[in-house]
Amino acid sequence: GRSLPLNGNPSSCPQTEQEIGEWAKEVLNQLGIQKPVSLVGYSYGCFVSSCVARAYPDIVDKMVMIAPAAVFAPIEWSWLWRAIVAGLLGDRGMEYFFTYM
């Protein structure tokens, strides 16, 4: 799950998908990593990894998602249908789907 920053102010954490991607790119830059990376996410980490891949696909080589969020909750057919259609429609469909979520 998400943790609070040392200063206790959650607003100093990335708040949007774009900000999460920017944060990850900044971490990689500060570490001196220049080539595309493989990301492994577990639960909420799957969401973070997907934000990075959507914002900066050029810095992601491979992704592994283990137990993405909501796997253990029942999934409604309407949600599944929207996810499939959004995936088929590409970027525009995925933007719609994330707005829907």
Protein backbone atom coordinates (compact mmCIF):
# COMPACT_ATOMS: atom_id res chain seq x y z
CA GLY A 1 0.00 0.00 0.00
CA ARG A 2 0.86 3.64 0.01
CA SER A 3 2.91 5.12 2.81
CA LEU A 4 3.09 8.67 4.04
CA PRO A 5 6.21 10.73 3.29
CA LEU A 6 8.58 11.55 6.15
CA ASN A 7 7.01 14.98 6.56
CA GLY A 8 3.56 13.36 7.03
CA ASN A 9 2.02 15.42 4.24
CA PRO A 10 0.44 13.12 1.63
CA SER A 11 0.14 15.99 -0.87
CA SER A 12 3.93 15.86 -1.34
CA CYS A 13 3.51 12.37 -2.87
CA PRO A 14 2.67 11.92 -6.56
CA GLN A 15 -1.09 12.42 -6.88
CA THR A 16 -1.84 11.58 -10.52
CA GLU A 17 -0.81 8.87 -12.97
CA GLN A 18 1.39 11.39 -14.78
CA GLU A 19 3.08 12.46 -11.54
CA ILE A 20 3.77 8.81 -10.64
CA GLY A 21 5.43 8.33 -14.03
CA GLU A 22 7.47 11.51 -13.60
CA TRP A 23 8.56 10.43 -10.11
CA ALA A 24 9.76 7.04 -11.38
CA LYS A 25 11.61 8.63 -14.29
CA GLU A 26 13.32 11.04 -11.90
CA VAL A 27 14.38 8.15 -9.63
CA LEU A 28 15.87 6.29 -12.60
CA ASN A 29 17.68 9.43 -13.75
CA GLN A 30 19.10 10.05 -10.25
CA LEU A 31 20.33 6.45 -10.15
CA GLY A 32 22.06 6.99 -13.50
CA ILE A 33 19.98 4.33 -15.26
CA GLN A 34 19.82 5.29 -18.93
CA LYS A 35 18.54 2.17 -20.69
CA PRO A 36 14.99 0.76 -20.54
CA VAL A 37 14.18 -1.16 -17.34
CA SER A 38 12.10 -4.18 -16.40
CA LEU A 39 9.41 -3.34 -13.85
CA VAL A 40 7.91 -5.84 -11.41
CA GLY A 41 4.80 -4.77 -9.53
CA TYR A 42 2.86 -6.46 -6.77
CA SER A 43 -0.66 -5.26 -5.91
CA TYR A 44 -0.51 -1.43 -5.86
CA GLY A 45 2.92 -1.71 -7.48
CA CYS A 46 1.15 -3.00 -10.59
CA PHE A 47 -0.71 0.29 -10.77
CA VAL A 48 2.52 2.24 -10.30
CA SER A 49 4.29 0.17 -12.98
CA SER A 50 1.43 0.69 -15.42
CA CYS A 51 1.50 4.46 -14.78
CA VAL A 52 5.21 4.52 -15.60
CA ALA A 53 4.71 2.45 -18.75
CA ARG A 54 1.84 4.65 -19.95
CA ALA A 55 3.63 7.93 -19.25
CA TYR A 56 7.09 6.87 -20.46
CA PRO A 57 6.89 3.72 -22.62
CA ASP A 58 10.41 4.38 -23.91
CA ILE A 59 11.95 3.70 -20.48
CA VAL A 60 10.15 0.36 -19.92
CA ASP A 61 11.51 -2.81 -21.50
CA LYS A 62 9.32 -5.42 -19.76
CA MET A 63 6.65 -5.51 -17.07
CA VAL A 64 5.59 -8.25 -14.69
CA MET A 65 2.38 -7.76 -12.74
CA ILE A 66 1.81 -9.98 -9.73
CA ALA A 67 -1.62 -9.89 -8.07
CA PRO A 68 -2.83 -6.61 -9.60
CA ALA A 69 -5.24 -4.70 -7.38
CA ALA A 70 -8.82 -6.01 -7.28
CA VAL A 71 -7.87 -9.55 -8.39
CA PHE A 72 -9.53 -11.11 -5.36
CA ALA A 73 -12.69 -9.03 -5.54
CA PRO A 74 -15.55 -10.14 -7.75
CA ILE A 75 -15.35 -8.46 -11.15
CA GLU A 76 -18.59 -7.37 -12.75
CA TRP A 77 -19.11 -8.25 -16.38
CA SER A 78 -19.80 -4.60 -17.25
CA TRP A 79 -16.38 -3.61 -15.87
CA LEU A 80 -14.67 -6.44 -17.75
CA TRP A 81 -16.45 -5.49 -20.97
CA ARG A 82 -15.36 -1.85 -20.63
CA ALA A 83 -11.76 -2.94 -19.97
CA ILE A 84 -11.68 -5.16 -23.08
CA VAL A 85 -13.21 -2.52 -25.34
CA ALA A 86 -10.88 0.16 -23.95
CA GLY A 87 -7.87 -2.07 -24.63
CA LEU A 88 -9.00 -2.62 -28.21
CA LEU A 89 -9.41 1.12 -28.78
CA GLY A 90 -5.81 1.90 -27.81
CA ASP A 91 -4.68 5.03 -26.00
CA ARG A 92 -7.95 6.90 -26.35
CA GLY A 93 -9.89 3.93 -25.02
CA MET A 94 -7.52 3.52 -22.09
CA GLU A 95 -7.85 7.21 -21.22
CA TYR A 96 -11.63 6.75 -21.15
CA PHE A 97 -11.27 3.62 -19.02
CA PHE A 98 -9.00 5.32 -16.46
CA THR A 99 -11.44 8.21 -16.27
CA TYR A 100 -14.25 5.69 -15.73
CA MET A 101 -12.28 4.02 -12.94
